[in-house]
């Protein structure tokens, strides 16, 4: 078994306040959780309204499955946040 660990950092263009950031985070996390069964939480920059940093983890049966899921998650984040945020960085590790 392998564990996929992702840290996704987004620059929020459409969130001038922390309340707007929270709404976007809740919507994004809920959809990813529902679609892929992920463990997901905001892990950094919690007091900065223009940056969203999410930590994501998922247990997979093999490394190739984890890498495929990584690509799917990245694509899903890009499509769900389209127009509201731009992807700054994705750091992935399979343990």
PDB file of N, CA and C in Angstrom:
ATOM      1  N   UNK A   1       0.841  -1.177   0.000  1.00  0.00           N
ATOM      2  CA  UNK A   1       0.000   0.000   0.000  1.00  0.00           C
ATOM      3  C   UNK A   1       0.885   1.239   0.000  1.00  0.00           C
ATOM      4  N   UNK A   2       0.395   2.263  -0.639  1.00  0.00           N
ATOM      5  CA  UNK A   2       1.110   3.530  -0.739  1.00  0.00           C
ATOM      6  C   UNK A   2       0.200   4.660  -0.275  1.00  0.00           C
ATOM      7  N   UNK A   3       0.826   5.728   0.215  1.00  0.00           N
ATOM      8  CA  UNK A   3       0.078   6.919   0.617  1.00  0.00           C
ATOM      9  C   UNK A   3       0.494   8.060  -0.300  1.00  0.00           C
ATOM     10  N   UNK A   4      -0.485   8.647  -0.962  1.00  0.00           N
ATOM     11  CA  UNK A   4      -0.263   9.824  -1.794  1.00  0.00           C
ATOM     12  C   UNK A   4      -0.447  11.061  -0.925  1.00  0.00           C
ATOM     13  N   UNK A   5       0.569  11.918  -0.905  1.00  0.00           N
ATOM     14  CA  UNK A   5       0.517  13.159  -0.136  1.00  0.00           C
ATOM     15  C   UNK A   5       0.724  14.318  -1.097  1.00  0.00           C
ATOM     16  N   UNK A   6      -0.218  15.240  -1.114  1.00  0.00           N
ATOM     17  CA  UNK A   6      -0.135  16.418  -1.983  1.00  0.00           C
ATOM     18  C   UNK A   6      -0.235  17.684  -1.154  1.00  0.00           C
ATOM     19  N   UNK A   7       0.507  18.683  -1.555  1.00  0.00           N
ATOM     20  CA  UNK A   7       0.325  20.034  -1.023  1.00  0.00           C
ATOM     21  C   UNK A   7       0.059  20.933  -2.223  1.00  0.00           C
ATOM     22  N   UNK A   8      -1.143  21.453  -2.288  1.00  0.00           N
ATOM     23  CA  UNK A   8      -1.586  22.274  -3.416  1.00  0.00           C
ATOM     24  C   UNK A   8      -1.703  23.714  -2.944  1.00  0.00           C
ATOM     25  N   UNK A   9      -1.026  24.618  -3.645  1.00  0.00           N
ATOM     26  CA  UNK A   9      -1.078  26.036  -3.303  1.00  0.00           C
ATOM     27  C   UNK A   9      -1.743  26.795  -4.441  1.00  0.00           C
ATOM     28  N   UNK A  10      -2.775  27.556  -4.090  1.00  0.00           N
ATOM     29  CA  UNK A  10      -3.533  28.341  -5.070  1.00  0.00           C
ATOM     30  C   UNK A  10      -3.445  29.823  -4.736  1.00  0.00           C
ATOM     31  N   UNK A  11      -3.316  30.642  -5.773  1.00  0.00           N
ATOM     32  CA  UNK A  11      -3.432  32.091  -5.616  1.00  0.00           C
ATOM     33  C   UNK A  11      -4.880  32.458  -5.902  1.00  0.00           C
ATOM     34  N   UNK A  12      -5.546  33.053  -4.931  1.00  0.00           N
ATOM     35  CA  UNK A  12      -6.962  33.376  -5.063  1.00  0.00           C
ATOM     36  C   UNK A  12      -7.126  34.781  -5.633  1.00  0.00           C
ATOM     37  N   UNK A  13      -7.743  34.846  -6.787  1.00  0.00           N
ATOM     38  CA  UNK A  13      -7.985  36.137  -7.424  1.00  0.00           C
ATOM     39  C   UNK A  13      -9.329  36.716  -7.016  1.00  0.00           C
ATOM     40  N   UNK A  14     -10.288  35.833  -6.764  1.00  0.00           N
ATOM     41  CA  UNK A  14     -11.640  36.279  -6.482  1.00  0.00           C
ATOM     42  C   UNK A  14     -12.002  36.224  -5.016  1.00  0.00           C
ATOM     43  N   UNK A  15     -11.024  36.317  -4.123  1.00  0.00           N
ATOM     44  CA  UNK A  15     -11.311  36.225  -2.690  1.00  0.00           C
ATOM     45  C   UNK A  15     -10.616  37.358  -1.939  1.00  0.00           C
ATOM     46  N   UNK A  16     -11.213  38.548  -1.924  1.00  0.00           N
ATOM     47  CA  UNK A  16     -10.574  39.669  -1.238  1.00  0.00           C
ATOM     48  C   UNK A  16     -10.624  39.576   0.292  1.00  0.00           C
ATOM     49  N   UNK A  17     -11.504  38.745   0.837  1.00  0.00           N
ATOM     50  CA  UNK A  17     -11.619  38.634   2.293  1.00  0.00           C
ATOM     51  C   UNK A  17     -11.434  37.182   2.725  1.00  0.00           C
ATOM     52  N   UNK A  18     -11.187  36.984   4.005  1.00  0.00           N
ATOM     53  CA  UNK A  18     -11.062  35.629   4.541  1.00  0.00           C
ATOM     54  C   UNK A  18     -12.375  34.854   4.435  1.00  0.00           C
ATOM     55  N   UNK A  19     -13.490  35.565   4.499  1.00  0.00           N
ATOM     56  CA  UNK A  19     -14.796  34.911   4.351  1.00  0.00           C
ATOM     57  C   UNK A  19     -14.945  34.327   2.941  1.00  0.00           C
ATOM     58  N   UNK A  20     -14.524  35.077   1.921  1.00  0.00           N
ATOM     59  CA  UNK A  20     -14.573  34.573   0.545  1.00  0.00           C
ATOM     60  C   UNK A  20     -13.653  33.362   0.382  1.00  0.00           C
ATOM     61  N   UNK A  21     -12.481  33.438   0.996  1.00  0.00           N
ATOM     62  CA  UNK A  21     -11.533  32.327   0.944  1.00  0.00           C
ATOM     63  C   UNK A  21     -12.137  31.089   1.593  1.00  0.00           C
ATOM     64  N   UNK A  22     -12.783  31.251   2.750  1.00  0.00           N
ATOM     65  CA  UNK A  22     -13.391  30.132   3.452  1.00  0.00           C
ATOM     66  C   UNK A  22     -14.472  29.470   2.599  1.00  0.00           C
ATOM     67  N   UNK A  23     -15.296  30.275   1.925  1.00  0.00           N
ATOM     68  CA  UNK A  23     -16.349  29.717   1.081  1.00  0.00           C
ATOM     69  C   UNK A  23     -15.765  28.901  -0.068  1.00  0.00           C
ATOM     70  N   UNK A  24     -14.720  29.435  -0.698  1.00  0.00           N
ATOM     71  CA  UNK A  24     -14.065  28.710  -1.790  1.00  0.00           C
ATOM     72  C   UNK A  24     -13.433  27.424  -1.270  1.00  0.00           C
ATOM     73  N   UNK A  25     -12.746  27.495  -0.126  1.00  0.00           N
ATOM     74  CA  UNK A  25     -12.099  26.323   0.463  1.00  0.00           C
ATOM     75  C   UNK A  25     -13.118  25.240   0.790  1.00  0.00           C
ATOM     76  N   UNK A  26     -14.224  25.623   1.407  1.00  0.00           N
ATOM     77  CA  UNK A  26     -15.241  24.641   1.769  1.00  0.00           C
ATOM     78  C   UNK A  26     -15.819  23.951   0.535  1.00  0.00           C
ATOM     79  N   UNK A  27     -16.103  24.733  -0.488  1.00  0.00           N
ATOM     80  CA  UNK A  27     -16.660  24.165  -1.718  1.00  0.00           C
ATOM     81  C   UNK A  27     -15.661  23.233  -2.403  1.00  0.00           C
ATOM     82  N   UNK A  28     -14.423  23.668  -2.512  1.00  0.00           N
ATOM     83  CA  UNK A  28     -13.386  22.877  -3.163  1.00  0.00           C
ATOM     84  C   UNK A  28     -13.104  21.589  -2.387  1.00  0.00           C
ATOM     85  N   UNK A  29     -12.951  21.691  -1.081  1.00  0.00           N
ATOM     86  CA  UNK A  29     -12.665  20.518  -0.255  1.00  0.00           C
ATOM     87  C   UNK A  29     -13.807  19.509  -0.289  1.00  0.00           C
ATOM     88  N   UNK A  30     -15.029  19.990  -0.195  1.00  0.00           N
ATOM     89  CA  UNK A  30     -16.181  19.087  -0.192  1.00  0.00           C
ATOM     90  C   UNK A  30     -16.300  18.329  -1.514  1.00  0.00           C
ATOM     91  N   UNK A  31     -16.114  19.021  -2.616  1.00  0.00           N
ATOM     92  CA  UNK A  31     -16.218  18.351  -3.922  1.00  0.00           C
ATOM     93  C   UNK A  31     -15.108  17.330  -4.121  1.00  0.00           C
ATOM     94  N   UNK A  32     -13.880  17.676  -3.730  1.00  0.00           N
ATOM     95  CA  UNK A  32     -12.776  16.723  -3.866  1.00  0.00           C
ATOM     96  C   UNK A  32     -12.964  15.534  -2.932  1.00  0.00           C
ATOM     97  N   UNK A  33     -13.424  15.786  -1.720  1.00  0.00           N
ATOM     98  CA  UNK A  33     -13.677  14.717  -0.750  1.00  0.00           C
ATOM     99  C   UNK A  33     -14.741  13.757  -1.280  1.00  0.00           C
ATOM    100  N   UNK A  34     -15.805  14.330  -1.822  1.00  0.00           N
ATOM    101  CA  UNK A  34     -16.912  13.517  -2.326  1.00  0.00           C
ATOM    102  C   UNK A  34     -16.499  12.714  -3.562  1.00  0.00           C
ATOM    103  N   UNK A  35     -15.744  13.342  -4.461  1.00  0.00           N
ATOM    104  CA  UNK A  35     -15.387  12.700  -5.723  1.00  0.00           C
ATOM    105  C   UNK A  35     -14.318  11.625  -5.557  1.00  0.00           C
ATOM    106  N   UNK A  36     -13.317  11.856  -4.701  1.00  0.00           N
ATOM    107  CA  UNK A  36     -12.171  10.952  -4.620  1.00  0.00           C
ATOM    108  C   UNK A  36     -11.981  10.304  -3.248  1.00  0.00           C
ATOM    109  N   UNK A  37     -12.755  10.662  -2.250  1.00  0.00           N
ATOM    110  CA  UNK A  37     -12.612  10.088  -0.923  1.00  0.00           C
ATOM    111  C   UNK A  37     -11.305  10.467  -0.247  1.00  0.00           C
ATOM    112  N   UNK A  38     -10.917  11.719  -0.362  1.00  0.00           N
ATOM    113  CA  UNK A  38      -9.634  12.204   0.140  1.00  0.00           C
ATOM    114  C   UNK A  38      -9.735  12.702   1.570  1.00  0.00           C
ATOM    115  N   UNK A  39      -8.594  12.702   2.247  1.00  0.00           N
ATOM    116  CA  UNK A  39      -8.442  13.464   3.478  1.00  0.00           C
ATOM    117  C   UNK A  39      -7.837  14.788   3.049  1.00  0.00           C
ATOM    118  N   UNK A  40      -8.498  15.896   3.377  1.00  0.00           N
ATOM    119  CA  UNK A  40      -8.069  17.190   2.863  1.00  0.00           C
ATOM    120  C   UNK A  40      -8.309  18.266   3.916  1.00  0.00           C
ATOM    121  N   UNK A  41      -7.345  19.189   4.031  1.00  0.00           N
ATOM    122  CA  UNK A  41      -7.461  20.279   5.002  1.00  0.00           C
ATOM    123  C   UNK A  41      -6.574  21.435   4.569  1.00  0.00           C
ATOM    124  N   UNK A  42      -6.904  22.627   5.056  1.00  0.00           N
ATOM    125  CA  UNK A  42      -6.047  23.785   4.835  1.00  0.00           C
ATOM    126  C   UNK A  42      -4.873  23.676   5.803  1.00  0.00           C
ATOM    127  N   UNK A  43      -3.639  23.743   5.282  1.00  0.00           N
ATOM    128  CA  UNK A  43      -2.472  23.460   6.114  1.00  0.00           C
ATOM    129  C   UNK A  43      -1.528  24.642   6.309  1.00  0.00           C
ATOM    130  N   UNK A  44      -1.685  25.719   5.554  1.00  0.00           N
ATOM    131  CA  UNK A  44      -0.766  26.845   5.677  1.00  0.00           C
ATOM    132  C   UNK A  44      -1.468  28.103   5.179  1.00  0.00           C
ATOM    133  N   UNK A  45      -0.897  29.252   5.482  1.00  0.00           N
ATOM    134  CA  UNK A  45      -1.396  30.566   5.024  1.00  0.00           C
ATOM    135  C   UNK A  45      -2.851  30.789   5.407  1.00  0.00           C
ATOM    136  N   UNK A  46      -3.235  30.362   6.599  1.00  0.00           N
ATOM    137  CA  UNK A  46      -4.626  30.455   7.000  1.00  0.00           C
ATOM    138  C   UNK A  46      -5.090  31.876   7.251  1.00  0.00           C
ATOM    139  N   UNK A  47      -4.166  32.785   7.515  1.00  0.00           N
ATOM    140  CA  UNK A  47      -4.550  34.165   7.774  1.00  0.00           C
ATOM    141  C   UNK A  47      -4.318  35.085   6.579  1.00  0.00           C
ATOM    142  N   UNK A  48      -3.974  34.510   5.422  1.00  0.00           N
ATOM    143  CA  UNK A  48      -3.747  35.290   4.204  1.00  0.00           C
ATOM    144  C   UNK A  48      -4.914  35.025   3.255  1.00  0.00           C
ATOM    145  N   UNK A  49      -5.655  36.070   2.901  1.00  0.00           N
ATOM    146  CA  UNK A  49      -6.875  35.863   2.118  1.00  0.00           C
ATOM    147  C   UNK A  49      -6.605  35.552   0.647  1.00  0.00           C
ATOM    148  N   UNK A  50      -5.418  35.828   0.154  1.00  0.00           N
ATOM    149  CA  UNK A  50      -5.141  35.637  -1.266  1.00  0.00           C
ATOM    150  C   UNK A  50      -4.440  34.323  -1.594  1.00  0.00           C
ATOM    151  N   UNK A  51      -4.147  33.493  -0.589  1.00  0.00           N
ATOM    152  CA  UNK A  51      -3.435  32.229  -0.805  1.00  0.00           C
ATOM    153  C   UNK A  51      -4.166  31.109  -0.072  1.00  0.00           C
ATOM    154  N   UNK A  52      -4.359  29.997  -0.776  1.00  0.00           N
ATOM    155  CA  UNK A  52      -4.976  28.811  -0.193  1.00  0.00           C
ATOM    156  C   UNK A  52      -4.012  27.652  -0.360  1.00  0.00           C
ATOM    157  N   UNK A  53      -3.632  27.040   0.760  1.00  0.00           N
ATOM    158  CA  UNK A  53      -2.695  25.913   0.745  1.00  0.00           C
ATOM    159  C   UNK A  53      -3.401  24.699   1.347  1.00  0.00           C
ATOM    160  N   UNK A  54      -3.620  23.677   0.525  1.00  0.00           N
ATOM    161  CA  UNK A  54      -4.342  22.490   0.942  1.00  0.00           C
ATOM    162  C   UNK A  54      -3.404  21.300   1.065  1.00  0.00           C
ATOM    163  N   UNK A  55      -3.569  20.536   2.130  1.00  0.00           N
ATOM    164  CA  UNK A  55      -2.878  19.264   2.290  1.00  0.00           C
ATOM    165  C   UNK A  55      -3.863  18.150   1.983  1.00  0.00           C
ATOM    166  N   UNK A  56      -3.441  17.220   1.132  1.00  0.00           N
ATOM    167  CA  UNK A  56      -4.321  16.151   0.669  1.00  0.00           C
ATOM    168  C   UNK A  56      -3.604  14.818   0.863  1.00  0.00           C
ATOM    169  N   UNK A  57      -4.329  13.821   1.364  1.00  0.00           N
ATOM    170  CA  UNK A  57      -3.755  12.484   1.531  1.00  0.00           C
ATOM    171  C   UNK A  57      -4.768  11.431   1.098  1.00  0.00           C
ATOM    172  N   UNK A  58      -4.230  10.336   0.556  1.00  0.00           N
ATOM    173  CA  UNK A  58      -5.093   9.229   0.138  1.00  0.00           C
ATOM    174  C   UNK A  58      -4.267   7.950   0.125  1.00  0.00           C
ATOM    175  N   UNK A  59      -4.837   6.869   0.618  1.00  0.00           N
ATOM    176  CA  UNK A  59      -4.174   5.569   0.609  1.00  0.00           C
ATOM    177  C   UNK A  59      -4.515   4.864  -0.694  1.00  0.00           C
ATOM    178  N   UNK A  60      -3.470   4.408  -1.411  1.00  0.00           N
ATOM    179  CA  UNK A  60      -3.642   3.737  -2.708  1.00  0.00           C
ATOM    180  C   UNK A  60      -3.003   2.348  -2.654  1.00  0.00           C
ATOM    181  N   UNK A  61      -3.414   1.495  -3.568  1.00  0.00           N
ATOM    182  CA  UNK A  61      -2.879   0.134  -3.592  1.00  0.00           C
ATOM    183  C   UNK A  61      -1.472   0.056  -4.174  1.00  0.00           C
ATOM    184  N   UNK A  62      -1.123   0.970  -5.067  1.00  0.00           N
ATOM    185  CA  UNK A  62       0.192   0.934  -5.687  1.00  0.00           C
ATOM    186  C   UNK A  62       0.652   2.318  -6.091  1.00  0.00           C
ATOM    187  N   UNK A  63       1.931   2.407  -6.462  1.00  0.00           N
ATOM    188  CA  UNK A  63       2.489   3.709  -6.821  1.00  0.00           C
ATOM    189  C   UNK A  63       1.885   4.260  -8.107  1.00  0.00           C
ATOM    190  N   UNK A  64       1.647   3.405  -9.104  1.00  0.00           N
ATOM    191  CA  UNK A  64       1.071   3.885 -10.361  1.00  0.00           C
ATOM    192  C   UNK A  64      -0.350   4.404 -10.149  1.00  0.00           C
ATOM    193  N   UNK A  65      -1.100   3.734  -9.308  1.00  0.00           N
ATOM    194  CA  UNK A  65      -2.452   4.193  -8.974  1.00  0.00           C
ATOM    195  C   UNK A  65      -2.378   5.567  -8.308  1.00  0.00           C
ATOM    196  N   UNK A  66      -1.398   5.744  -7.423  1.00  0.00           N
ATOM    197  CA  UNK A  66      -1.231   7.025  -6.735  1.00  0.00           C
ATOM    198  C   UNK A  66      -0.867   8.129  -7.717  1.00  0.00           C
ATOM    199  N   UNK A  67       0.023   7.833  -8.661  1.00  0.00           N
ATOM    200  CA  UNK A  67       0.426   8.842  -9.656  1.00  0.00           C
ATOM    201  C   UNK A  67      -0.751   9.212 -10.567  1.00  0.00           C
ATOM    202  N   UNK A  68      -1.552   8.232 -10.940  1.00  0.00           N
ATOM    203  CA  UNK A  68      -2.742   8.518 -11.754  1.00  0.00           C
ATOM    204  C   UNK A  68      -3.729   9.392 -10.986  1.00  0.00           C
ATOM    205  N   UNK A  69      -3.911   9.085  -9.709  1.00  0.00           N
ATOM    206  CA  UNK A  69      -4.814   9.867  -8.875  1.00  0.00           C
ATOM    207  C   UNK A  69      -4.288  11.295  -8.698  1.00  0.00           C
ATOM    208  N   UNK A  70      -2.975  11.436  -8.575  1.00  0.00           N
ATOM    209  CA  UNK A  70      -2.368  12.768  -8.472  1.00  0.00           C
ATOM    210  C   UNK A  70      -2.740  13.636  -9.674  1.00  0.00           C
ATOM    211  N   UNK A  71      -2.643  13.064 -10.868  1.00  0.00           N
ATOM    212  CA  UNK A  71      -2.996  13.811 -12.081  1.00  0.00           C
ATOM    213  C   UNK A  71      -4.483  14.166 -12.086  1.00  0.00           C
ATOM    214  N   UNK A  72      -5.329  13.237 -11.676  1.00  0.00           N
ATOM    215  CA  UNK A  72      -6.770  13.495 -11.638  1.00  0.00           C
ATOM    216  C   UNK A  72      -7.113  14.596 -10.638  1.00  0.00           C
ATOM    217  N   UNK A  73      -6.480  14.565  -9.466  1.00  0.00           N
ATOM    218  CA  UNK A  73      -6.743  15.578  -8.445  1.00  0.00           C
ATOM    219  C   UNK A  73      -6.298  16.954  -8.931  1.00  0.00           C
ATOM    220  N   UNK A  74      -5.119  17.018  -9.532  1.00  0.00           N
ATOM    221  CA  UNK A  74      -4.612  18.294 -10.046  1.00  0.00           C
ATOM    222  C   UNK A  74      -5.560  18.860 -11.101  1.00  0.00           C
ATOM    223  N   UNK A  75      -6.012  18.016 -12.013  1.00  0.00           N
ATOM    224  CA  UNK A  75      -6.965  18.463 -13.038  1.00  0.00           C
ATOM    225  C   UNK A  75      -8.275  18.922 -12.407  1.00  0.00           C
ATOM    226  N   UNK A  76      -8.742  18.193 -11.403  1.00  0.00           N
ATOM    227  CA  UNK A  76      -9.998  18.565 -10.740  1.00  0.00           C
ATOM    228  C   UNK A  76      -9.869  19.899 -10.019  1.00  0.00           C
ATOM    229  N   UNK A  77      -8.738  20.126  -9.350  1.00  0.00           N
ATOM    230  CA  UNK A  77      -8.526  21.409  -8.670  1.00  0.00           C
ATOM    231  C   UNK A  77      -8.537  22.544  -9.688  1.00  0.00           C
ATOM    232  N   UNK A  78      -7.861  22.343 -10.819  1.00  0.00           N
ATOM    233  CA  UNK A  78      -7.832  23.379 -11.855  1.00  0.00           C
ATOM    234  C   UNK A  78      -9.231  23.680 -12.397  1.00  0.00           C
ATOM    235  N   UNK A  79     -10.020  22.647 -12.623  1.00  0.00           N
ATOM    236  CA  UNK A  79     -11.358  22.879 -13.184  1.00  0.00           C
ATOM    237  C   UNK A  79     -12.319  23.467 -12.145  1.00  0.00           C
ATOM    238  N   UNK A  80     -12.227  23.018 -10.891  1.00  0.00           N
ATOM    239  CA  UNK A  80     -13.126  23.537  -9.862  1.00  0.00           C
ATOM    240  C   UNK A  80     -12.809  24.979  -9.481  1.00  0.00           C
ATOM    241  N   UNK A  81     -11.541  25.363  -9.574  1.00  0.00           N
ATOM    242  CA  UNK A  81     -11.140  26.710  -9.182  1.00  0.00           C
ATOM    243  C   UNK A  81     -11.005  27.657 -10.376  1.00  0.00           C
ATOM    244  N   UNK A  82     -11.397  27.215 -11.549  1.00  0.00           N
ATOM    245  CA  UNK A  82     -11.252  28.035 -12.757  1.00  0.00           C
ATOM    246  C   UNK A  82     -11.965  29.375 -12.596  1.00  0.00           C
ATOM    247  N   UNK A  83     -11.244  30.441 -12.906  1.00  0.00           N
ATOM    248  CA  UNK A  83     -11.801  31.780 -12.810  1.00  0.00           C
ATOM    249  C   UNK A  83     -11.702  32.397 -11.430  1.00  0.00           C
ATOM    250  N   UNK A  84     -11.486  31.588 -10.415  1.00  0.00           N
ATOM    251  CA  UNK A  84     -11.398  32.090  -9.044  1.00  0.00           C
ATOM    252  C   UNK A  84      -9.983  32.026  -8.484  1.00  0.00           C
ATOM    253  N   UNK A  85      -9.178  31.095  -9.009  1.00  0.00           N
ATOM    254  CA  UNK A  85      -7.834  30.898  -8.478  1.00  0.00           C
ATOM    255  C   UNK A  85      -6.918  30.357  -9.569  1.00  0.00           C
ATOM    256  N   UNK A  86      -5.628  30.597  -9.381  1.00  0.00           N
ATOM    257  CA  UNK A  86      -4.628  30.009 -10.266  1.00  0.00           C
ATOM    258  C   UNK A  86      -3.726  29.102  -9.439  1.00  0.00           C
ATOM    259  N   UNK A  87      -3.290  28.045 -10.061  1.00  0.00           N
ATOM    260  CA  UNK A  87      -2.454  27.069  -9.387  1.00  0.00           C
ATOM    261  C   UNK A  87      -1.026  27.597  -9.300  1.00  0.00           C
ATOM    262  N   UNK A  88      -0.535  27.743  -8.089  1.00  0.00           N
ATOM    263  CA  UNK A  88       0.837  28.223  -7.891  1.00  0.00           C
ATOM    264  C   UNK A  88       1.813  27.052  -7.858  1.00  0.00           C
ATOM    265  N   UNK A  89       1.451  26.003  -7.092  1.00  0.00           N
ATOM    266  CA  UNK A  89       2.396  24.908  -6.897  1.00  0.00           C
ATOM    267  C   UNK A  89       1.675  23.653  -6.439  1.00  0.00           C
ATOM    268  N   UNK A  90       2.181  22.514  -6.911  1.00  0.00           N
ATOM    269  CA  UNK A  90       1.725  21.206  -6.424  1.00  0.00           C
ATOM    270  C   UNK A  90       2.962  20.410  -6.048  1.00  0.00           C
ATOM    271  N   UNK A  91       3.038  20.013  -4.797  1.00  0.00           N
ATOM    272  CA  UNK A  91       4.134  19.186  -4.316  1.00  0.00           C
ATOM    273  C   UNK A  91       3.533  17.818  -3.998  1.00  0.00           C
ATOM    274  N   UNK A  92       4.054  16.792  -4.651  1.00  0.00           N
ATOM    275  CA  UNK A  92       3.486  15.441  -4.471  1.00  0.00           C
ATOM    276  C   UNK A  92       4.561  14.481  -3.984  1.00  0.00           C
ATOM    277  N   UNK A  93       4.127  13.551  -3.160  1.00  0.00           N
ATOM    278  CA  UNK A  93       5.017  12.524  -2.652  1.00  0.00           C
ATOM    279  C   UNK A  93       4.211  11.241  -2.469  1.00  0.00           C
ATOM    280  N   UNK A  94       4.806  10.128  -2.864  1.00  0.00           N
ATOM    281  CA  UNK A  94       4.184   8.832  -2.629  1.00  0.00           C
ATOM    282  C   UNK A  94       5.086   8.096  -1.660  1.00  0.00           C
ATOM    283  N   UNK A  95       4.504   7.707  -0.536  1.00  0.00           N
ATOM    284  CA  UNK A  95       5.275   7.050   0.524  1.00  0.00           C
ATOM    285  C   UNK A  95       4.836   5.609   0.642  1.00  0.00           C
TER     286      UNK A  95
END
